[in-house]
Amino acid sequence: MGRKFFVGGNWKCNGTGEEVKKIVSTLNAGEVPSTDVVEVVVSPPFVFLPLVKNTLRPDFHVAAQNCWVKKGGAFTGEISAEMLVNLDIPWVILGHSERRLLLNESNEFVGDKVAYALSKGLKVIACVGETLEQRESGSTMEVVAAQTRAIADKVSNWANVVLAYEPVWAIGTGKVATPAQAQEVHSELRNWFQANTSPEVAATIRIIYGGTLVHFFYGVPCFFLSPIQLLSLFGS
């Protein structure tokens, strides 16, 4: 059986209550294939998770944009995996490049976060990707493999993980990875899983493109989209 398509929308730190309601209304009216064909997940800011969860159509799912590396406690401003489970939020994004670069989350820290979230029953969109400097120096796969290795060191069951390859140089810069560039990294990542985990994981894990949307489909499982891109994809 082929891998199910996965479409995700990361809303980042954007939106008001009214704007979120409009986006949800548009999504609810969209025509998409059945859940047997495609899995749709949207990730609003934490303060809007209950609103989106309660108003979004049931065949679409909701993800948090982050969660803490362990059980809650004296960690001001953080959100625990247990809180997300309590809110019945099934997905979480971890290791996003903005958190790696701006908040200095290390590969090992991201690996720990992924493992803890999975242990609490969450599904994880785990992000990996290189900067423009790293790509131009020819170290893309070295960087991406190290990020993936840090997760693999803590995770043995990949059934609830989607790997998002998000080249940092293609996020909010106006640059777009070509189909060939995305395909090359996806192929190398699948080879990495073949060599370092198992043939089954290599064949079944969904690896998605997580940069700016390429405005045509190509042979990768899916895209990781902004709210506007997700809206334009499905229409109303």
Protein backbone atom coordinates (compact mmCIF):
# COMPACT_ATOMS: atom_id res chain seq x y z
CA MET A 1 0.00 0.00 0.00
CA GLY A 2 1.28 3.47 -0.89
CA ARG A 3 1.98 6.16 1.66
CA LYS A 4 -1.00 8.36 2.45
CA PHE A 5 -0.66 11.96 1.30
CA PHE A 6 -0.16 14.51 4.06
CA VAL A 7 -1.00 18.21 3.82
CA GLY A 8 -0.06 20.49 6.70
CA GLY A 9 -0.60 24.18 7.38
CA ASN A 10 1.61 25.94 9.95
CA TRP A 11 -0.05 29.22 10.89
CA LYS A 12 2.93 30.32 13.01
CA CYS A 13 2.46 33.43 15.19
CA ASN A 14 -0.38 34.94 13.16
CA GLY A 15 -4.09 35.61 13.40
CA THR A 16 -6.87 37.00 15.55
CA GLY A 17 -9.94 35.14 16.71
CA GLU A 18 -12.00 36.50 13.82
CA GLU A 19 -9.30 35.74 11.25
CA VAL A 20 -8.99 32.18 12.53
CA LYS A 21 -12.76 31.70 12.29
CA LYS A 22 -12.66 32.84 8.64
CA ILE A 23 -9.83 30.44 7.81
CA VAL A 24 -11.65 27.54 9.50
CA SER A 25 -14.86 28.41 7.67
CA THR A 26 -13.04 28.33 4.34
CA LEU A 27 -11.38 25.02 5.16
CA ASN A 28 -14.67 23.52 6.27
CA ALA A 29 -16.19 24.37 2.89
CA GLY A 30 -13.32 22.91 0.89
CA GLU A 31 -13.58 19.81 -1.27
CA VAL A 32 -10.80 17.33 -0.57
CA PRO A 33 -10.30 13.59 -1.11
CA SER A 34 -11.31 11.19 1.64
CA THR A 35 -9.14 10.46 4.66
CA ASP A 36 -8.14 7.20 2.99
CA VAL A 37 -6.24 9.30 0.46
CA VAL A 38 -5.00 12.38 2.29
CA GLU A 39 -4.43 13.49 5.88
CA VAL A 40 -4.93 17.21 6.53
CA VAL A 41 -3.44 18.86 9.63
CA VAL A 42 -3.46 22.56 10.54
CA SER A 43 -1.38 24.18 13.26
CA PRO A 44 -2.74 27.42 14.74
CA PRO A 45 -1.11 29.34 17.59
CA PHE A 46 -1.63 27.66 20.95
CA VAL A 47 -4.23 30.18 22.16
CA PHE A 48 -6.49 29.21 19.24
CA LEU A 49 -6.13 25.43 19.54
CA PRO A 50 -9.48 24.89 21.36
CA LEU A 51 -11.32 27.21 18.96
CA VAL A 52 -9.96 25.43 15.89
CA LYS A 53 -10.38 21.99 17.43
CA ASN A 54 -14.05 22.66 18.22
CA THR A 55 -15.01 24.26 14.89
CA LEU A 56 -12.87 22.49 12.28
CA ARG A 57 -14.44 19.66 10.30
CA PRO A 58 -13.72 16.26 11.89
CA ASP A 59 -11.78 14.83 8.95
CA PHE A 60 -9.14 17.58 9.43
CA HIS A 61 -6.83 17.46 12.43
CA VAL A 62 -5.05 20.01 14.61
CA ALA A 63 -1.40 20.27 15.63
CA ALA A 64 0.33 22.36 18.25
CA GLN A 65 3.38 24.29 17.08
CA ASN A 66 5.60 23.07 19.92
CA CYS A 67 5.63 21.34 23.29
CA TRP A 68 8.04 21.01 26.20
CA VAL A 69 10.62 18.25 26.55
CA LYS A 70 9.23 16.78 29.77
CA LYS A 71 6.23 16.88 32.09
CA GLY A 72 5.03 20.32 33.15
CA GLY A 73 6.44 22.25 36.06
CA ALA A 74 8.35 25.48 36.58
CA PHE A 75 8.82 26.16 32.86
CA THR A 76 7.21 29.55 32.26
CA GLY A 77 5.70 29.96 28.83
CA GLU A 78 6.02 26.32 27.84
CA ILE A 79 3.27 23.86 26.95
CA SER A 80 3.51 20.22 27.98
CA ALA A 81 2.63 17.18 25.92
CA GLU A 82 0.22 16.23 28.70
CA MET A 83 -1.67 19.50 28.21
CA LEU A 84 -2.05 18.79 24.49
CA VAL A 85 -3.34 15.30 25.22
CA ASN A 86 -5.78 16.78 27.72
CA LEU A 87 -7.07 19.12 24.99
CA ASP A 88 -7.38 16.16 22.61
CA ILE A 89 -4.83 17.68 20.22
CA PRO A 90 -3.35 14.75 18.26
CA TRP A 91 -0.32 16.34 16.54
CA VAL A 92 2.63 18.57 17.41
CA ILE A 93 5.36 20.20 15.31
CA LEU A 94 8.86 19.81 16.76
CA GLY A 95 12.29 20.94 15.65
CA HIS A 96 11.09 23.73 13.38
CA SER A 97 14.01 25.70 11.97
CA GLU A 98 12.86 28.89 13.67
CA ARG A 99 13.14 27.21 17.05
CA ARG A 100 16.47 25.65 16.15
CA LEU A 101 17.97 28.92 14.90
CA LEU A 102 16.27 31.59 17.02
CA LEU A 103 15.90 29.65 20.27
CA ASN A 104 19.03 27.49 19.91
CA GLU A 105 17.28 24.14 20.17
CA SER A 106 20.00 21.55 19.55
CA ASN A 107 19.61 18.32 17.58
CA GLU A 108 19.73 16.35 20.82
CA PHE A 109 17.12 18.57 22.49
CA VAL A 110 14.78 18.11 19.52
CA GLY A 111 15.34 14.36 19.67
CA ASP A 112 14.38 14.34 23.35
CA LYS A 113 11.25 16.38 22.63
CA VAL A 114 10.15 14.05 19.84
CA ALA A 115 10.66 10.98 22.03
CA TYR A 116 8.74 12.48 24.96
CA ALA A 117 5.83 13.64 22.82
CA LEU A 118 5.53 10.20 21.23
CA SER A 119 5.65 8.56 24.65
CA LYS A 120 2.57 10.57 25.65
CA GLY A 121 0.61 9.48 22.59
CA LEU A 122 1.10 12.52 20.35
CA LYS A 123 1.89 12.27 16.66
CA VAL A 124 4.88 14.36 15.61
CA ILE A 125 5.81 16.41 12.57
CA ALA A 126 9.60 16.48 13.02
CA CYS A 127 11.43 19.14 11.06
CA VAL A 128 14.92 18.95 9.55
CA GLY A 129 16.70 21.20 7.08
CA GLU A 130 19.79 23.16 6.17
CA THR A 131 20.64 26.86 5.92
CA LEU A 132 21.68 28.54 2.68
CA GLU A 133 25.29 28.61 3.86
CA GLN A 134 25.19 24.88 4.57
CA ARG A 135 23.65 24.11 1.18
CA GLU A 136 26.21 26.22 -0.66
CA SER A 137 29.03 24.50 1.20
CA GLY A 138 27.75 21.11 0.05
CA SER A 139 26.86 19.87 3.54
CA THR A 140 23.09 19.53 3.14
CA MET A 141 22.93 15.78 3.73
CA GLU A 142 25.49 15.91 6.53
CA VAL A 143 23.33 18.45 8.36
CA VAL A 144 20.01 16.74 7.67
CA ALA A 145 21.37 13.30 8.54
CA ALA A 146 22.72 14.59 11.88
CA GLN A 147 19.34 16.11 12.72
CA THR A 148 17.57 12.88 11.80
CA ARG A 149 20.11 10.77 13.69
CA ALA A 150 19.44 12.72 16.90
CA ILE A 151 15.78 11.74 16.61
CA ALA A 152 16.54 8.14 15.64
CA ASP A 153 18.76 7.78 18.70
CA LYS A 154 15.66 8.29 20.87
CA VAL A 155 12.89 6.79 18.70
CA SER A 156 12.39 3.19 17.66
CA ASN A 157 8.79 3.31 16.41
CA TRP A 158 8.34 5.78 13.54
CA ALA A 159 4.67 4.99 12.86
CA ASN A 160 3.50 8.32 14.33
CA VAL A 161 6.23 10.52 12.86
CA VAL A 162 6.09 12.60 9.69
CA LEU A 163 9.47 14.03 8.70
CA ALA A 164 9.31 17.53 7.25
CA TYR A 165 12.34 18.50 5.16
CA GLU A 166 12.28 22.29 5.35
CA PRO A 167 15.28 23.99 3.75
CA VAL A 168 15.75 27.09 5.90
CA TRP A 169 16.71 29.15 2.87
CA ALA A 170 13.25 28.49 1.35
CA ILE A 171 11.17 29.73 4.29
CA GLY A 172 9.84 33.26 3.96
CA THR A 173 12.69 34.33 1.66
CA GLY A 174 10.99 34.18 -1.70
CA LYS A 175 13.31 31.35 -2.70
CA VAL A 176 11.74 28.01 -3.55
CA ALA A 177 13.41 24.63 -3.65
CA THR A 178 13.07 23.08 -7.09
CA PRO A 179 11.38 19.70 -7.46
CA ALA A 180 14.79 18.20 -8.16
CA GLN A 181 16.32 19.70 -5.01
CA ALA A 182 13.48 18.47 -2.79
CA GLN A 183 13.42 15.06 -4.44
CA GLU A 184 17.16 14.64 -4.03
CA VAL A 185 17.04 15.23 -0.28
CA HIS A 186 13.91 13.10 0.14
CA SER A 187 15.60 10.25 -1.70
CA GLU A 188 18.76 10.55 0.38
CA LEU A 189 16.73 10.63 3.58
CA ARG A 190 14.90 7.49 2.56
CA ASN A 191 18.28 5.86 1.83
CA TRP A 192 19.42 6.99 5.29
CA PHE A 193 16.43 5.29 6.92
CA GLN A 194 17.14 2.15 4.90
CA ALA A 195 20.71 2.04 6.20
CA ASN A 196 20.11 3.22 9.77
CA THR A 197 16.66 2.00 10.82
CA SER A 198 14.94 -0.66 8.73
CA PRO A 199 13.64 -1.25 5.20
CA GLU A 200 10.10 -1.06 6.59
CA VAL A 201 10.64 2.41 8.08
CA ALA A 202 12.36 3.57 4.90
CA ALA A 203 9.39 2.43 2.84
CA THR A 204 6.59 3.72 5.06
CA ILE A 205 7.70 6.97 6.70
CA ARG A 206 6.18 10.04 5.12
CA ILE A 207 8.76 12.69 4.20
CA ILE A 208 7.24 16.01 3.24
CA TYR A 209 8.52 19.27 1.83
CA GLY A 210 8.36 22.00 4.43
CA GLY A 211 9.44 25.19 2.71
CA THR A 212 7.51 27.68 0.63
CA LEU A 213 4.92 25.98 -1.56
CA VAL A 214 5.98 25.03 -5.05
CA HIS A 215 3.00 26.02 -7.17
CA PHE A 216 2.68 22.69 -8.92
CA PHE A 217 2.64 19.08 -7.78
CA TYR A 218 5.64 16.82 -8.08
CA GLY A 219 6.61 13.39 -6.88
CA VAL A 220 6.87 13.94 -3.14
CA PRO A 221 4.23 12.87 -0.65
CA CYS A 222 2.89 16.34 0.16
CA PHE A 223 3.57 19.92 1.18
CA PHE A 224 3.80 21.87 4.41
CA LEU A 225 1.82 25.04 3.75
CA SER A 226 1.06 28.46 5.12
CA PRO A 227 -2.61 29.28 5.86
CA ILE A 228 -2.94 31.28 2.65
CA GLN A 229 -1.37 28.49 0.58
CA LEU A 230 -3.62 25.93 2.22
CA LEU A 231 -6.65 28.08 1.46
CA SER A 232 -5.66 28.54 -2.16
CA LEU A 233 -5.10 24.81 -2.51
CA PHE A 234 -8.55 23.81 -1.33
CA GLY A 235 -10.58 26.87 -2.25
CA SER A 236 -14.02 27.46 -0.86
